[in-house]
Protein backbone atom coordinates (compact mmCIF):
# COMPACT_ATOMS: atom_id res chain seq x y z
CA MET A 1 12.78 38.65 14.02
CA THR A 2 13.96 37.57 10.58
CA THR A 3 17.32 36.85 8.98
CA THR A 4 18.82 36.83 5.49
CA TYR A 5 20.69 33.74 4.35
CA PHE A 6 22.92 32.97 1.38
CA LEU A 7 23.15 29.40 0.11
CA SER A 8 25.42 27.92 -2.53
CA GLY A 9 25.68 24.66 -4.38
CA MET A 10 26.08 23.13 -7.81
CA VAL A 11 24.25 21.40 -10.64
CA LEU A 12 25.58 17.91 -11.34
CA PRO A 13 27.27 16.73 -13.42
CA GLU A 14 29.34 19.93 -13.46
CA ARG A 15 30.53 19.30 -17.00
CA THR A 16 27.05 20.31 -18.25
CA LEU A 17 27.85 23.98 -17.45
CA PHE A 18 24.20 24.71 -16.67
CA SER A 19 23.30 28.43 -16.60
CA LEU A 20 20.17 30.57 -16.22
CA ASN A 21 19.80 33.53 -18.57
CA SER A 22 18.82 35.71 -15.61
CA PRO A 23 18.18 35.30 -11.86
CA ILE A 24 14.78 34.00 -10.74
CA SER A 25 12.88 35.38 -7.74
CA ILE A 26 10.30 33.24 -5.95
CA ASN A 27 8.14 33.64 -2.85
CA LEU A 28 8.39 30.63 -0.58
CA LEU A 29 6.02 29.87 2.26
CA SER A 30 7.65 28.65 5.46
CA SER A 31 7.12 24.91 5.88
CA ASP A 32 7.22 25.49 9.64
CA THR A 33 4.25 27.84 9.79
CA GLY A 34 2.72 27.64 6.32
CA ASP A 35 1.88 31.34 6.28
CA HIS A 36 5.19 33.20 6.51
CA SER A 37 6.52 34.29 3.12
CA MET A 38 10.24 34.27 2.37
CA LEU A 39 11.78 35.71 -0.81
CA LEU A 40 14.33 33.71 -2.82
CA TYR A 41 16.69 35.08 -5.46
CA ILE A 42 18.22 32.21 -7.45
CA SER A 43 21.05 32.39 -9.96
CA ILE A 44 22.89 29.54 -11.70
CA ASP A 45 26.02 30.27 -13.69
CA LEU A 46 28.21 27.52 -15.18
CA SER A 47 26.54 24.99 -12.85
CA GLN A 48 27.30 27.07 -9.72
CA ILE A 49 24.16 27.82 -7.70
CA THR A 50 23.82 30.99 -5.60
CA ILE A 51 20.69 31.74 -3.56
CA LYS A 52 19.75 34.71 -1.41
CA ILE A 53 16.77 34.16 0.86
CA GLU A 54 15.25 37.04 2.81
CA ASN A 55 12.76 37.26 5.65
CA VAL A 56 13.62 33.90 7.24
CA PRO A 57 12.19 33.58 10.78
CA ASP A 58 15.00 33.28 13.34
CA GLU A 59 13.48 30.08 14.73
CA HIS A 60 13.34 28.34 11.34
CA ASP A 61 15.13 24.96 11.30
CA ILE A 62 18.23 25.21 9.07
CA ASN A 63 17.94 21.69 7.63
CA THR A 64 14.27 22.18 6.81
CA LEU A 65 15.16 25.51 5.15
CA ARG A 66 17.90 23.85 3.09
CA ASN A 67 15.50 21.10 1.99
CA SER A 68 12.79 23.61 0.99
CA VAL A 69 15.25 25.72 -1.01
CA ARG A 70 16.71 22.63 -2.66
CA SER A 71 13.23 21.60 -3.78
CA VAL A 72 12.65 25.00 -5.44
CA VAL A 73 16.00 24.92 -7.26
CA PHE A 74 15.46 21.31 -8.28
CA ASN A 75 12.13 22.30 -9.86
CA ILE A 76 13.94 24.89 -11.99
CA VAL A 77 16.59 22.41 -13.10
CA ASN A 78 14.01 19.68 -13.74
CA SER A 79 11.95 22.00 -15.94
CA TYR A 80 14.93 22.59 -18.19
CA GLY A 81 15.96 18.93 -18.05
CA TYR A 82 12.50 17.87 -19.20
CA ILE A 83 12.70 20.10 -22.28
CA LYS A 84 16.29 19.17 -23.11
CA GLY A 85 16.03 15.47 -22.34
CA SER A 86 18.80 15.61 -19.73
CA ALA A 87 18.84 14.28 -16.19
CA PHE A 88 20.44 16.61 -13.65
CA GLU A 89 21.07 16.44 -9.91
CA ILE A 90 21.78 19.32 -7.56
CA GLU A 91 23.61 19.82 -4.26
CA ILE A 92 23.19 22.64 -1.77
CA THR A 93 26.53 22.63 0.00
CA LYS A 94 26.85 25.79 2.13
CA ILE A 95 24.71 28.28 4.03
CA LEU A 96 25.86 31.72 5.21
CA LYS A 97 23.98 33.96 7.62
CA ASP A 98 24.05 37.75 7.15
CA SER A 99 25.92 37.95 10.47
CA GLY A 100 28.80 35.97 8.96
CA GLU A 101 28.02 32.59 10.58
CA HIS A 102 28.21 29.75 8.09
CA MET A 103 27.87 26.00 7.84
CA ILE A 104 28.96 23.40 5.30
CA PHE A 105 26.33 20.74 4.75
CA GLY A 106 27.73 17.22 4.93
CA VAL A 107 26.52 14.28 2.88
CA GLU A 108 25.59 12.34 6.01
CA ILE A 109 22.13 11.99 7.50
CA PRO A 110 23.05 12.45 11.20
CA VAL A 111 20.45 10.06 12.61
CA ILE A 112 21.66 7.31 10.26
CA GLU A 113 25.34 8.09 10.70
CA GLN A 114 24.92 7.59 14.45
CA ARG A 115 23.96 3.96 13.82
CA TYR A 116 27.16 3.53 11.82
CA LEU A 117 29.37 5.17 14.45
CA LEU A 118 28.11 2.74 17.11
CA LEU A 119 29.54 -0.21 15.17
CA SER A 120 33.05 -1.51 15.80
CA GLN A 121 35.47 -1.50 12.86
CA GLU A 122 35.06 -5.25 12.53
CA ASP A 123 31.25 -5.04 12.61
CA LYS A 124 31.31 -2.35 9.90
CA GLY A 125 33.15 -4.72 7.59
CA VAL A 126 30.86 -7.64 8.39
CA LYS A 127 27.74 -5.56 7.82
CA PHE A 128 29.04 -4.21 4.51
CA ASN A 129 29.74 -7.75 3.28
CA ASN A 130 26.31 -8.93 4.44
CA LEU A 131 24.61 -6.09 2.60
CA LEU A 132 26.56 -6.76 -0.58
CA ASN A 133 25.86 -10.50 -0.49
CA LEU A 134 22.12 -9.87 -0.29
CA THR A 135 22.22 -8.03 -3.63
CA TYR A 136 23.36 -11.18 -5.46
CA GLY A 137 21.32 -14.04 -6.87
CA PRO A 138 17.77 -14.32 -8.21
CA ASP A 139 16.14 -12.95 -5.04
CA GLY A 140 18.73 -10.16 -4.74
CA LYS A 141 16.45 -7.99 -6.87
CA TYR A 142 14.30 -7.24 -3.81
CA PHE A 143 17.21 -5.95 -1.75
CA ARG A 144 18.79 -4.08 -4.66
CA ARG A 145 15.56 -2.10 -5.07
CA CYS A 146 15.38 -1.56 -1.31
CA LEU A 147 18.92 -0.13 -1.17
CA SER A 148 18.29 2.07 -4.19
CA ASP A 149 15.18 3.57 -2.59
CA CYS A 150 17.00 4.11 0.71
CA MET A 151 19.60 6.16 -1.16
CA MET A 152 16.85 8.13 -2.95
CA SER A 153 15.19 8.88 0.40
CA MET A 154 18.38 10.64 1.52
CA ARG A 155 18.89 12.52 -1.75
CA HIS A 156 15.31 13.79 -2.06
CA PRO A 157 14.14 15.16 1.31
CA GLU A 158 10.60 16.02 0.19
CA ASP A 159 10.04 12.38 -0.85
CA THR A 160 11.73 10.66 2.10
CA GLY A 161 8.49 8.96 3.17
CA PHE A 162 7.69 7.72 -0.33
CA TYR A 163 11.09 6.16 -0.95
CA CYS A 164 11.46 4.70 2.55
CA TYR A 165 8.07 3.03 2.38
CA ARG A 166 8.78 1.66 -1.08
CA ALA A 167 12.08 0.28 0.27
CA LEU A 168 10.10 -1.61 2.92
CA GLU A 169 7.61 -2.77 0.31
CA SER A 170 10.46 -4.36 -1.65
CA LEU A 171 11.34 -6.39 1.46
CA LYS A 172 7.69 -7.29 1.86
CA GLN A 173 7.70 -8.59 -1.72
CA TYR A 174 10.59 -10.89 -0.84
CA PHE A 175 8.52 -12.54 1.89
CA SER A 176 5.52 -12.70 -0.42
CA TYR A 177 7.68 -14.53 -2.96
CA ARG A 178 9.38 -16.80 -0.44
CA PHE A 179 6.20 -17.91 1.31
CA LYS A 180 4.04 -17.92 -1.86
CA LEU A 181 1.72 -15.15 -0.69
CA GLU A 182 1.50 -13.32 -4.03
CA GLU A 183 -2.25 -13.89 -4.24
CA LYS A 184 -2.88 -12.85 -0.64
CA ARG A 185 -4.00 -9.41 0.48
CA ASP A 186 -1.36 -6.77 1.12
CA VAL A 187 -1.98 -6.80 4.87
CA VAL A 188 -1.26 -10.55 5.00
CA GLN A 189 2.09 -10.01 3.26
CA TRP A 190 3.00 -7.18 5.66
CA ARG A 191 2.09 -9.25 8.68
CA LYS A 192 4.29 -12.09 7.43
CA MET A 193 7.26 -9.76 7.13
CA VAL A 194 6.56 -8.31 10.59
CA GLU A 195 6.36 -11.81 12.04
CA GLU A 196 9.52 -13.12 10.36
CA LEU A 197 11.63 -10.07 11.22
CA GLY A 198 10.36 -9.74 14.77
CA ILE A 199 9.17 -6.17 14.22
CA THR A 200 7.37 -5.01 17.35
CA GLU A 201 3.83 -3.74 17.32
CA SER A 202 5.00 -0.26 18.33
CA HIS A 203 7.51 -0.22 15.46
CA TYR A 204 4.81 -1.32 13.00
CA LEU A 205 2.37 1.31 14.26
CA SER A 206 5.10 3.95 13.98
CA ILE A 207 5.52 3.05 10.29
CA GLU A 208 1.75 3.25 9.88
CA SER A 209 1.76 6.78 11.36
CA TRP A 210 3.68 8.16 8.37
CA ARG A 211 2.54 5.77 5.65
CA LYS A 212 -0.55 7.71 4.55
CA PRO A 213 0.63 11.32 4.89
CA TYR A 214 4.17 10.87 3.56
CA ALA A 215 4.18 7.70 1.43
CA TYR A 216 0.74 7.16 -0.06
CA ALA A 217 0.14 10.86 -0.62
CA ALA A 218 3.33 11.17 -2.68
CA ARG A 219 2.55 7.94 -4.54
CA HIS A 220 -0.73 9.43 -5.69
CA GLY A 221 0.81 12.74 -6.71
CA VAL A 222 -0.26 14.71 -3.62
CA PRO A 223 2.58 17.07 -2.55
CA GLU A 224 3.08 17.19 1.20
CA ALA A 225 5.69 19.26 3.02
CA ILE A 226 7.75 17.33 5.54
CA SER A 227 9.64 18.58 8.58
CA GLU A 228 13.08 17.44 9.70
CA GLU A 229 11.44 15.88 12.77
CA TRP A 230 9.30 13.60 10.61
CA ARG A 231 12.23 12.70 8.37
CA ILE A 232 14.21 11.55 11.43
CA LYS A 233 11.29 9.36 12.53
CA ILE A 234 10.93 7.84 9.06
CA PHE A 235 14.66 7.16 8.74
CA ASN A 236 14.75 5.48 12.15
CA ASP A 237 11.78 3.24 11.37
CA THR A 238 13.10 2.28 7.95
CA TRP A 239 16.73 1.58 8.88
CA GLU A 240 15.59 -0.43 11.90
CA ALA A 241 13.45 -2.67 9.67
CA VAL A 242 16.12 -3.01 6.97
CA ASP A 243 18.76 -3.90 9.58
CA LYS A 244 16.43 -6.62 10.87
CA TYR A 245 16.08 -7.96 7.33
CA VAL A 246 19.87 -8.04 6.87
CA SER A 247 20.31 -9.95 10.15
CA TYR A 248 17.48 -12.32 9.26
CA ARG A 249 18.85 -13.18 5.80
CA SER A 250 22.48 -13.30 6.91
CA SER A 251 21.71 -15.90 9.59
CA GLU A 252 20.02 -18.29 7.14
């Protein structure tokens, strides 16, 4: 069985009043099966995005669908931005099923938000201050880049693996700098970070499981679809390592 969905969102910043001359229709293969074709009708008027998507399998994951559709719309906006010399962002904010059921997409990544909700109010304040303090000073450049890539990993679902791995690489560069390992092989630098942060072997191997398909592939320009299940795994691995780094540096 299949369903029709309607999605809406906006091009940012809204003051650009971005519009398409006419709607665009695109066939999209399901990222779940790779062989099921869905039909998208996309219109953008005064920065307001409206999408109709037909022939969606009933079992299709909603978050994966949202991410796939966002990628298509972002390609359209990026094509125009490239020509015009303007940088745009987009948000897909709402999805409506033809039966009338609807959902508003939040800005939170649920698996990350759960880590936040487990903290006491006092611990939230302490952690925020610790994070902010690590962005200061000459060696703050490593953590500033790490935080920036963590934010990008949430904003750009298709590149979650790329940005998360680069965030971890920024932390690795800190240890390379601190212990004067710049001339050593990459694996030596990684092992030093693993040792200093107390990252378990299972945690390290979990990172390795997504490094090649979702980080290195994107780095070398190879597009690779990613499921919501893999994104959750990558977020967990990355935030766990970054939290260890924050605790490590804050206790110095």
